[in-house]
Amino acid sequence: MPYHEWFIEFEKNIDDLNNFADIIEKSMYTQNVYYKDLIDGKVLQKLQITPIKKGGFDTYMKSIGKLGGQNKLPRLSDNRKIADELYRLNLTRN
């Protein structure tokens, strides 16, 4: 099943990533009345959060030659190109 995957670079370690994801997901429920229906109806899986190593997004932007103030990492994508590259560069933190 498809799912939302958020890549987040935290300033400090999160003790309970699942609890953090639950808080965000509850907020998504209130902002989009259909989101909970999609989860309950098993059309979407629950939100997944993938922590990124400190400086990971800068490392990614540098790897594609776009490090600098005028370049921004896309906030939303309908494909896995950036996600796959973050994994390939070993920038995720498990």
PDB file of N, CA and C in Angstrom:
ATOM      1  N   MET A   1       0.839  -1.191   0.000  1.00  0.00           N
ATOM      2  CA  MET A   1       0.000   0.000   0.000  1.00  0.00           C
ATOM      3  C   MET A   1       0.882   1.253   0.000  1.00  0.00           C
ATOM      4  N   PRO A   2       0.427   2.296  -0.624  1.00  0.00           N
ATOM      5  CA  PRO A   2       1.181   3.550  -0.596  1.00  0.00           C
ATOM      6  C   PRO A   2       1.137   4.197   0.793  1.00  0.00           C
ATOM      7  N   TYR A   3       2.032   5.136   1.013  1.00  0.00           N
ATOM      8  CA  TYR A   3       2.099   5.828   2.296  1.00  0.00           C
ATOM      9  C   TYR A   3       2.826   7.151   2.112  1.00  0.00           C
ATOM     10  N   HIS A   4       2.623   8.038   3.081  1.00  0.00           N
ATOM     11  CA  HIS A   4       3.391   9.268   3.148  1.00  0.00           C
ATOM     12  C   HIS A   4       4.674   8.933   3.891  1.00  0.00           C
ATOM     13  N   GLU A   5       5.815   9.364   3.341  1.00  0.00           N
ATOM     14  CA  GLU A   5       7.085   9.196   4.034  1.00  0.00           C
ATOM     15  C   GLU A   5       7.711  10.574   4.169  1.00  0.00           C
ATOM     16  N   TRP A   6       7.977  10.954   5.391  1.00  0.00           N
ATOM     17  CA  TRP A   6       8.592  12.247   5.666  1.00  0.00           C
ATOM     18  C   TRP A   6      10.033  12.011   6.077  1.00  0.00           C
ATOM     19  N   PHE A   7      10.939  12.741   5.450  1.00  0.00           N
ATOM     20  CA  PHE A   7      12.349  12.714   5.797  1.00  0.00           C
ATOM     21  C   PHE A   7      12.625  13.966   6.623  1.00  0.00           C
ATOM     22  N   ILE A   8      13.060  13.776   7.869  1.00  0.00           N
ATOM     23  CA  ILE A   8      13.242  14.896   8.792  1.00  0.00           C
ATOM     24  C   ILE A   8      14.646  14.844   9.387  1.00  0.00           C
ATOM     25  N   GLU A   9      15.314  16.003   9.352  1.00  0.00           N
ATOM     26  CA  GLU A   9      16.613  16.147  10.010  1.00  0.00           C
ATOM     27  C   GLU A   9      16.365  16.851  11.338  1.00  0.00           C
ATOM     28  N   PHE A  10      16.507  16.117  12.426  1.00  0.00           N
ATOM     29  CA  PHE A  10      16.225  16.647  13.753  1.00  0.00           C
ATOM     30  C   PHE A  10      17.460  17.339  14.337  1.00  0.00           C
ATOM     31  N   GLU A  11      17.231  18.417  15.083  1.00  0.00           N
ATOM     32  CA  GLU A  11      18.312  19.079  15.818  1.00  0.00           C
ATOM     33  C   GLU A  11      18.818  18.166  16.926  1.00  0.00           C
ATOM     34  N   LYS A  12      17.870  17.527  17.643  1.00  0.00           N
ATOM     35  CA  LYS A  12      18.203  16.617  18.739  1.00  0.00           C
ATOM     36  C   LYS A  12      17.533  15.282  18.456  1.00  0.00           C
ATOM     37  N   ASN A  13      18.064  14.228  19.054  1.00  0.00           N
ATOM     38  CA  ASN A  13      17.463  12.910  18.886  1.00  0.00           C
ATOM     39  C   ASN A  13      16.056  12.894  19.484  1.00  0.00           C
ATOM     40  N   ILE A  14      15.162  12.191  18.820  1.00  0.00           N
ATOM     41  CA  ILE A  14      13.798  11.994  19.304  1.00  0.00           C
ATOM     42  C   ILE A  14      13.764  10.667  20.061  1.00  0.00           C
ATOM     43  N   ASP A  15      13.284  10.703  21.302  1.00  0.00           N
ATOM     44  CA  ASP A  15      13.236   9.486  22.105  1.00  0.00           C
ATOM     45  C   ASP A  15      12.226   8.482  21.567  1.00  0.00           C
ATOM     46  N   ASP A  16      11.070   8.959  21.126  1.00  0.00           N
ATOM     47  CA  ASP A  16      10.004   8.067  20.678  1.00  0.00           C
ATOM     48  C   ASP A  16       9.496   8.527  19.314  1.00  0.00           C
ATOM     49  N   LEU A  17      10.117   8.017  18.267  1.00  0.00           N
ATOM     50  CA  LEU A  17       9.772   8.411  16.908  1.00  0.00           C
ATOM     51  C   LEU A  17       8.339   8.024  16.554  1.00  0.00           C
ATOM     52  N   ASN A  18       7.873   6.894  17.073  1.00  0.00           N
ATOM     53  CA  ASN A  18       6.494   6.473  16.795  1.00  0.00           C
ATOM     54  C   ASN A  18       5.482   7.444  17.392  1.00  0.00           C
ATOM     55  N   ASN A  19       5.736   7.903  18.606  1.00  0.00           N
ATOM     56  CA  ASN A  19       4.856   8.874  19.236  1.00  0.00           C
ATOM     57  C   ASN A  19       4.854  10.178  18.438  1.00  0.00           C
ATOM     58  N   PHE A  20       6.021  10.610  18.004  1.00  0.00           N
ATOM     59  CA  PHE A  20       6.139  11.820  17.184  1.00  0.00           C
ATOM     60  C   PHE A  20       5.313  11.671  15.904  1.00  0.00           C
ATOM     61  N   ALA A  21       5.421  10.516  15.246  1.00  0.00           N
ATOM     62  CA  ALA A  21       4.650  10.255  14.030  1.00  0.00           C
ATOM     63  C   ALA A  21       3.152  10.270  14.317  1.00  0.00           C
ATOM     64  N   ASP A  22       2.748   9.714  15.446  1.00  0.00           N
ATOM     65  CA  ASP A  22       1.324   9.723  15.824  1.00  0.00           C
ATOM     66  C   ASP A  22       0.796  11.139  16.005  1.00  0.00           C
ATOM     67  N   ILE A  23       1.605  12.006  16.609  1.00  0.00           N
ATOM     68  CA  ILE A  23       1.191  13.396  16.807  1.00  0.00           C
ATOM     69  C   ILE A  23       1.003  14.093  15.462  1.00  0.00           C
ATOM     70  N   ILE A  24       1.938  13.891  14.555  1.00  0.00           N
ATOM     71  CA  ILE A  24       1.822  14.503  13.225  1.00  0.00           C
ATOM     72  C   ILE A  24       0.610  13.941  12.490  1.00  0.00           C
ATOM     73  N   GLU A  25       0.437  12.633  12.581  1.00  0.00           N
ATOM     74  CA  GLU A  25      -0.676  12.006  11.884  1.00  0.00           C
ATOM     75  C   GLU A  25      -2.022  12.520  12.398  1.00  0.00           C
ATOM     76  N   LYS A  26      -2.154  12.701  13.705  1.00  0.00           N
ATOM     77  CA  LYS A  26      -3.392  13.253  14.262  1.00  0.00           C
ATOM     78  C   LYS A  26      -3.636  14.660  13.739  1.00  0.00           C
ATOM     79  N   SER A  27      -2.584  15.418  13.579  1.00  0.00           N
ATOM     80  CA  SER A  27      -2.715  16.752  12.997  1.00  0.00           C
ATOM     81  C   SER A  27      -3.180  16.664  11.545  1.00  0.00           C
ATOM     82  N   MET A  28      -2.671  15.673  10.824  1.00  0.00           N
ATOM     83  CA  MET A  28      -3.094  15.483   9.434  1.00  0.00           C
ATOM     84  C   MET A  28      -4.581  15.109   9.362  1.00  0.00           C
ATOM     85  N   TYR A  29      -5.039  14.340  10.344  1.00  0.00           N
ATOM     86  CA  TYR A  29      -6.466  13.982  10.398  1.00  0.00           C
ATOM     87  C   TYR A  29      -7.337  15.228  10.477  1.00  0.00           C
ATOM     88  N   THR A  30      -6.915  16.198  11.287  1.00  0.00           N
ATOM     89  CA  THR A  30      -7.727  17.400  11.464  1.00  0.00           C
ATOM     90  C   THR A  30      -7.658  18.327  10.253  1.00  0.00           C
ATOM     91  N   GLN A  31      -6.569  18.248   9.491  1.00  0.00           N
ATOM     92  CA  GLN A  31      -6.402  19.125   8.334  1.00  0.00           C
ATOM     93  C   GLN A  31      -7.006  18.552   7.058  1.00  0.00           C
ATOM     94  N   ASN A  32      -7.190  17.246   7.014  1.00  0.00           N
ATOM     95  CA  ASN A  32      -7.742  16.602   5.826  1.00  0.00           C
ATOM     96  C   ASN A  32      -8.701  15.507   6.281  1.00  0.00           C
ATOM     97  N   VAL A  33      -9.992  15.769   6.184  1.00  0.00           N
ATOM     98  CA  VAL A  33     -10.991  14.828   6.702  1.00  0.00           C
ATOM     99  C   VAL A  33     -10.943  13.472   6.003  1.00  0.00           C
ATOM    100  N   TYR A  34     -10.411  13.418   4.800  1.00  0.00           N
ATOM    101  CA  TYR A  34     -10.362  12.162   4.062  1.00  0.00           C
ATOM    102  C   TYR A  34      -9.144  11.313   4.406  1.00  0.00           C
ATOM    103  N   TYR A  35      -8.125  11.924   4.984  1.00  0.00           N
ATOM    104  CA  TYR A  35      -6.893  11.186   5.291  1.00  0.00           C
ATOM    105  C   TYR A  35      -7.162  10.014   6.234  1.00  0.00           C
ATOM    106  N   LYS A  36      -7.898  10.257   7.326  1.00  0.00           N
ATOM    107  CA  LYS A  36      -8.206   9.175   8.281  1.00  0.00           C
ATOM    108  C   LYS A  36      -9.023   8.072   7.606  1.00  0.00           C
ATOM    109  N   ASP A  37      -9.954   8.456   6.730  1.00  0.00           N
ATOM    110  CA  ASP A  37     -10.743   7.458   6.000  1.00  0.00           C
ATOM    111  C   ASP A  37      -9.844   6.581   5.136  1.00  0.00           C
ATOM    112  N   LEU A  38      -8.823   7.172   4.529  1.00  0.00           N
ATOM    113  CA  LEU A  38      -7.900   6.403   3.689  1.00  0.00           C
ATOM    114  C   LEU A  38      -7.081   5.429   4.530  1.00  0.00           C
ATOM    115  N   ILE A  39      -6.691   5.853   5.734  1.00  0.00           N
ATOM    116  CA  ILE A  39      -5.946   4.966   6.638  1.00  0.00           C
ATOM    117  C   ILE A  39      -6.866   3.850   7.136  1.00  0.00           C
ATOM    118  N   ASP A  40      -8.041   4.229   7.635  1.00  0.00           N
ATOM    119  CA  ASP A  40      -8.985   3.239   8.166  1.00  0.00           C
ATOM    120  C   ASP A  40      -9.455   2.262   7.091  1.00  0.00           C
ATOM    121  N   GLY A  41      -9.615   2.749   5.872  1.00  0.00           N
ATOM    122  CA  GLY A  41     -10.059   1.905   4.767  1.00  0.00           C
ATOM    123  C   GLY A  41      -8.946   1.104   4.117  1.00  0.00           C
ATOM    124  N   LYS A  42      -7.740   1.202   4.691  1.00  0.00           N
ATOM    125  CA  LYS A  42      -6.571   0.467   4.212  1.00  0.00           C
ATOM    126  C   LYS A  42      -6.232   0.800   2.759  1.00  0.00           C
ATOM    127  N   VAL A  43      -6.443   2.079   2.399  1.00  0.00           N
ATOM    128  CA  VAL A  43      -6.029   2.582   1.097  1.00  0.00           C
ATOM    129  C   VAL A  43      -4.607   3.122   1.207  1.00  0.00           C
ATOM    130  N   LEU A  44      -4.290   3.698   2.383  1.00  0.00           N
ATOM    131  CA  LEU A  44      -2.952   4.200   2.697  1.00  0.00           C
ATOM    132  C   LEU A  44      -2.453   3.551   3.977  1.00  0.00           C
ATOM    133  N   GLN A  45      -1.148   3.334   4.044  1.00  0.00           N
ATOM    134  CA  GLN A  45      -0.528   2.941   5.308  1.00  0.00           C
ATOM    135  C   GLN A  45      -0.353   4.189   6.163  1.00  0.00           C
ATOM    136  N   LYS A  46      -0.053   3.984   7.432  1.00  0.00           N
ATOM    137  CA  LYS A  46       0.200   5.110   8.325  1.00  0.00           C
ATOM    138  C   LYS A  46       1.475   5.834   7.891  1.00  0.00           C
ATOM    139  N   LEU A  47       1.575   7.078   8.310  1.00  0.00           N
ATOM    140  CA  LEU A  47       2.732   7.925   8.050  1.00  0.00           C
ATOM    141  C   LEU A  47       4.022   7.256   8.513  1.00  0.00           C
ATOM    142  N   GLN A  48       5.061   7.360   7.702  1.00  0.00           N
ATOM    143  CA  GLN A  48       6.374   6.851   8.091  1.00  0.00           C
ATOM    144  C   GLN A  48       7.355   8.019   8.118  1.00  0.00           C
ATOM    145  N   ILE A  49       8.127   8.106   9.190  1.00  0.00           N
ATOM    146  CA  ILE A  49       9.128   9.155   9.311  1.00  0.00           C
ATOM    147  C   ILE A  49      10.507   8.515   9.258  1.00  0.00           C
ATOM    148  N   THR A  50      11.346   9.060   8.392  1.00  0.00           N
ATOM    149  CA  THR A  50      12.716   8.591   8.263  1.00  0.00           C
ATOM    150  C   THR A  50      13.652   9.707   8.721  1.00  0.00           C
ATOM    151  N   PRO A  51      14.350   9.511   9.836  1.00  0.00           N
ATOM    152  CA  PRO A  51      15.285  10.537  10.296  1.00  0.00           C
ATOM    153  C   PRO A  51      16.496  10.618   9.368  1.00  0.00           C
ATOM    154  N   ILE A  52      16.963  11.835   9.152  1.00  0.00           N
ATOM    155  CA  ILE A  52      18.139  12.088   8.325  1.00  0.00           C
ATOM    156  C   ILE A  52      19.287  12.505   9.241  1.00  0.00           C
ATOM    157  N   LYS A  53      20.494  12.032   8.927  1.00  0.00           N
ATOM    158  CA  LYS A  53      21.667  12.400   9.719  1.00  0.00           C
ATOM    159  C   LYS A  53      21.872  13.905   9.694  1.00  0.00           C
ATOM    160  N   LYS A  54      22.449  14.432  10.751  1.00  0.00           N
ATOM    161  CA  LYS A  54      22.724  15.868  10.837  1.00  0.00           C
ATOM    162  C   LYS A  54      23.568  16.297   9.634  1.00  0.00           C
ATOM    163  N   GLY A  55      23.099  17.322   8.943  1.00  0.00           N
ATOM    164  CA  GLY A  55      23.783  17.815   7.751  1.00  0.00           C
ATOM    165  C   GLY A  55      23.467  17.013   6.497  1.00  0.00           C
ATOM    166  N   GLY A  56      22.574  16.055   6.633  1.00  0.00           N
ATOM    167  CA  GLY A  56      22.267  15.161   5.508  1.00  0.00           C
ATOM    168  C   GLY A  56      21.660  15.850   4.302  1.00  0.00           C
ATOM    169  N   PHE A  57      20.760  16.796   4.539  1.00  0.00           N
ATOM    170  CA  PHE A  57      20.145  17.483   3.406  1.00  0.00           C
ATOM    171  C   PHE A  57      21.164  18.357   2.682  1.00  0.00           C
ATOM    172  N   ASP A  58      22.072  18.990   3.442  1.00  0.00           N
ATOM    173  CA  ASP A  58      23.134  19.761   2.798  1.00  0.00           C
ATOM    174  C   ASP A  58      24.043  18.843   1.972  1.00  0.00           C
ATOM    175  N   THR A  59      24.350  17.674   2.524  1.00  0.00           N
ATOM    176  CA  THR A  59      25.170  16.704   1.794  1.00  0.00           C
ATOM    177  C   THR A  59      24.491  16.295   0.490  1.00  0.00           C
ATOM    178  N   TYR A  60      23.185  16.046   0.548  1.00  0.00           N
ATOM    179  CA  TYR A  60      22.444  15.692  -0.658  1.00  0.00           C
ATOM    180  C   TYR A  60      22.503  16.830  -1.685  1.00  0.00           C
ATOM    181  N   MET A  61      22.219  18.053  -1.238  1.00  0.00           N
ATOM    182  CA  MET A  61      22.224  19.194  -2.161  1.00  0.00           C
ATOM    183  C   MET A  61      23.611  19.384  -2.779  1.00  0.00           C
ATOM    184  N   LYS A  62      24.655  19.189  -2.003  1.00  0.00           N
ATOM    185  CA  LYS A  62      26.020  19.293  -2.529  1.00  0.00           C
ATOM    186  C   LYS A  62      26.265  18.208  -3.568  1.00  0.00           C
ATOM    187  N   SER A  63      25.734  17.014  -3.334  1.00  0.00           N
ATOM    188  CA  SER A  63      25.956  15.888  -4.261  1.00  0.00           C
ATOM    189  C   SER A  63      25.318  16.128  -5.632  1.00  0.00           C
ATOM    190  N   ILE A  64      24.295  16.990  -5.670  1.00  0.00           N
ATOM    191  CA  ILE A  64      23.665  17.288  -6.963  1.00  0.00           C
ATOM    192  C   ILE A  64      24.088  18.659  -7.489  1.00  0.00           C
ATOM    193  N   GLY A  65      25.107  19.255  -6.843  1.00  0.00           N
ATOM    194  CA  GLY A  65      25.646  20.532  -7.299  1.00  0.00           C
ATOM    195  C   GLY A  65      24.735  21.715  -7.054  1.00  0.00           C
ATOM    196  N   LYS A  66      23.924  21.653  -6.009  1.00  0.00           N
ATOM    197  CA  LYS A  66      22.964  22.730  -5.746  1.00  0.00           C
ATOM    198  C   LYS A  66      23.027  23.244  -4.316  1.00  0.00           C
ATOM    199  N   LEU A  67      24.194  23.171  -3.692  1.00  0.00           N
ATOM    200  CA  LEU A  67      24.332  23.683  -2.333  1.00  0.00           C
ATOM    201  C   LEU A  67      24.471  25.196  -2.392  1.00  0.00           C
ATOM    202  N   GLY A  68      23.649  25.887  -1.662  1.00  0.00           N
ATOM    203  CA  GLY A  68      23.706  27.345  -1.619  1.00  0.00           C
ATOM    204  C   GLY A  68      22.352  27.932  -1.301  1.00  0.00           C
ATOM    205  N   GLY A  69      22.363  29.188  -0.903  1.00  0.00           N
ATOM    206  CA  GLY A  69      21.150  29.859  -0.455  1.00  0.00           C
ATOM    207  C   GLY A  69      20.051  29.996  -1.488  1.00  0.00           C
ATOM    208  N   GLN A  70      20.402  30.003  -2.765  1.00  0.00           N
ATOM    209  CA  GLN A  70      19.392  30.180  -3.803  1.00  0.00           C
ATOM    210  C   GLN A  70      18.747  28.866  -4.225  1.00  0.00           C
ATOM    211  N   ASN A  71      19.225  27.761  -3.709  1.00  0.00           N
ATOM    212  CA  ASN A  71      18.698  26.447  -4.055  1.00  0.00           C
ATOM    213  C   ASN A  71      17.943  25.871  -2.872  1.00  0.00           C
ATOM    214  N   LYS A  72      16.791  25.307  -3.152  1.00  0.00           N
ATOM    215  CA  LYS A  72      15.950  24.745  -2.092  1.00  0.00           C
ATOM    216  C   LYS A  72      15.634  23.284  -2.386  1.00  0.00           C
ATOM    217  N   LEU A  73      15.615  22.496  -1.350  1.00  0.00           N
ATOM    218  CA  LEU A  73      15.202  21.103  -1.455  1.00  0.00           C
ATOM    219  C   LEU A  73      13.689  21.073  -1.622  1.00  0.00           C
ATOM    220  N   PRO A  74      13.164  20.351  -2.599  1.00  0.00           N
ATOM    221  CA  PRO A  74      11.704  20.270  -2.739  1.00  0.00           C
ATOM    222  C   PRO A  74      11.055  19.726  -1.470  1.00  0.00           C
ATOM    223  N   ARG A  75       9.934  20.280  -1.105  1.00  0.00           N
ATOM    224  CA  ARG A  75       9.213  19.863   0.104  1.00  0.00           C
ATOM    225  C   ARG A  75       8.280  18.679  -0.170  1.00  0.00           C
ATOM    226  N   LEU A  76       7.943  18.497  -1.415  1.00  0.00           N
ATOM    227  CA  LEU A  76       6.961  17.488  -1.793  1.00  0.00           C
ATOM    228  C   LEU A  76       7.386  16.855  -3.107  1.00  0.00           C
ATOM    229  N   SER A  77       7.162  15.560  -3.234  1.00  0.00           N
ATOM    230  CA  SER A  77       7.516  14.874  -4.479  1.00  0.00           C
ATOM    231  C   SER A  77       6.535  13.739  -4.720  1.00  0.00           C
ATOM    232  N   ASP A  78       6.266  13.495  -5.985  1.00  0.00           N
ATOM    233  CA  ASP A  78       5.378  12.386  -6.332  1.00  0.00           C
ATOM    234  C   ASP A  78       6.169  11.184  -6.857  1.00  0.00           C
ATOM    235  N   ASN A  79       7.504  11.217  -6.635  1.00  0.00           N
ATOM    236  CA  ASN A  79       8.331  10.069  -7.003  1.00  0.00           C
ATOM    237  C   ASN A  79       9.395   9.876  -5.922  1.00  0.00           C
ATOM    238  N   ARG A  80      10.174   8.829  -6.040  1.00  0.00           N
ATOM    239  CA  ARG A  80      11.142   8.474  -4.988  1.00  0.00           C
ATOM    240  C   ARG A  80      12.571   8.853  -5.346  1.00  0.00           C
ATOM    241  N   LYS A  81      12.772   9.711  -6.318  1.00  0.00           N
ATOM    242  CA  LYS A  81      14.124  10.053  -6.765  1.00  0.00           C
ATOM    243  C   LYS A  81      14.984  10.576  -5.613  1.00  0.00           C
ATOM    244  N   ILE A  82      14.502  11.571  -4.887  1.00  0.00           N
ATOM    245  CA  ILE A  82      15.274  12.145  -3.776  1.00  0.00           C
ATOM    246  C   ILE A  82      15.403  11.126  -2.644  1.00  0.00           C
ATOM    247  N   ALA A  83      14.323  10.445  -2.315  1.00  0.00           N
ATOM    248  CA  ALA A  83      14.354   9.446  -1.242  1.00  0.00           C
ATOM    249  C   ALA A  83      15.391   8.367  -1.541  1.00  0.00           C
ATOM    250  N   ASP A  84      15.381   7.874  -2.755  1.00  0.00           N
ATOM    251  CA  ASP A  84      16.341   6.828  -3.130  1.00  0.00           C
ATOM    252  C   ASP A  84      17.776   7.330  -3.024  1.00  0.00           C
ATOM    253  N   GLU A  85      17.989   8.587  -3.383  1.00  0.00           N
ATOM    254  CA  GLU A  85      19.329   9.157  -3.300  1.00  0.00           C
ATOM    255  C   GLU A  85      19.760   9.344  -1.845  1.00  0.00           C
ATOM    256  N   LEU A  86      18.843   9.738  -0.972  1.00  0.00           N
ATOM    257  CA  LEU A  86      19.173   9.855   0.452  1.00  0.00           C
ATOM    258  C   LEU A  86      19.599   8.503   1.025  1.00  0.00           C
ATOM    259  N   TYR A  87      18.903   7.445   0.619  1.00  0.00           N
ATOM    260  CA  TYR A  87      19.284   6.101   1.058  1.00  0.00           C
ATOM    261  C   TYR A  87      20.627   5.685   0.448  1.00  0.00           C
ATOM    262  N   ARG A  88      20.805   5.959  -0.848  1.00  0.00           N
ATOM    263  CA  ARG A  88      22.043   5.569  -1.540  1.00  0.00           C
ATOM    264  C   ARG A  88      23.254   6.238  -0.911  1.00  0.00           C
ATOM    265  N   LEU A  89      23.110   7.507  -0.542  1.00  0.00           N
ATOM    266  CA  LEU A  89      24.208   8.244   0.071  1.00  0.00           C
ATOM    267  C   LEU A  89      24.379   7.927   1.563  1.00  0.00           C
ATOM    268  N   ASN A  90      23.560   7.013   2.074  1.00  0.00           N
ATOM    269  CA  ASN A  90      23.604   6.588   3.482  1.00  0.00           C
ATOM    270  C   ASN A  90      23.394   7.773   4.425  1.00  0.00           C
ATOM    271  N   LEU A  91      22.396   8.605   4.111  1.00  0.00           N
ATOM    272  CA  LEU A  91      22.127   9.787   4.925  1.00  0.00           C
ATOM    273  C   LEU A  91      21.005   9.577   5.916  1.00  0.00           C
ATOM    274  N   THR A  92      20.366   8.410   5.872  1.00  0.00           N
ATOM    275  CA  THR A  92      19.293   8.128   6.824  1.00  0.00           C
ATOM    276  C   THR A  92      19.890   7.646   8.135  1.00  0.00           C
ATOM    277  N   ARG A  93      19.149   7.875   9.197  1.00  0.00           N
ATOM    278  CA  ARG A  93      19.597   7.485  10.538  1.00  0.00           C
ATOM    279  C   ARG A  93      18.576   6.501  11.087  1.00  0.00           C
ATOM    280  N   ASN A  94      19.004   5.327  11.411  1.00  0.00           N
ATOM    281  CA  ASN A  94      18.076   4.319  11.948  1.00  0.00           C
ATOM    282  C   ASN A  94      18.325   4.017  13.382  1.00  0.00           C
TER     283      ASN A  94
END
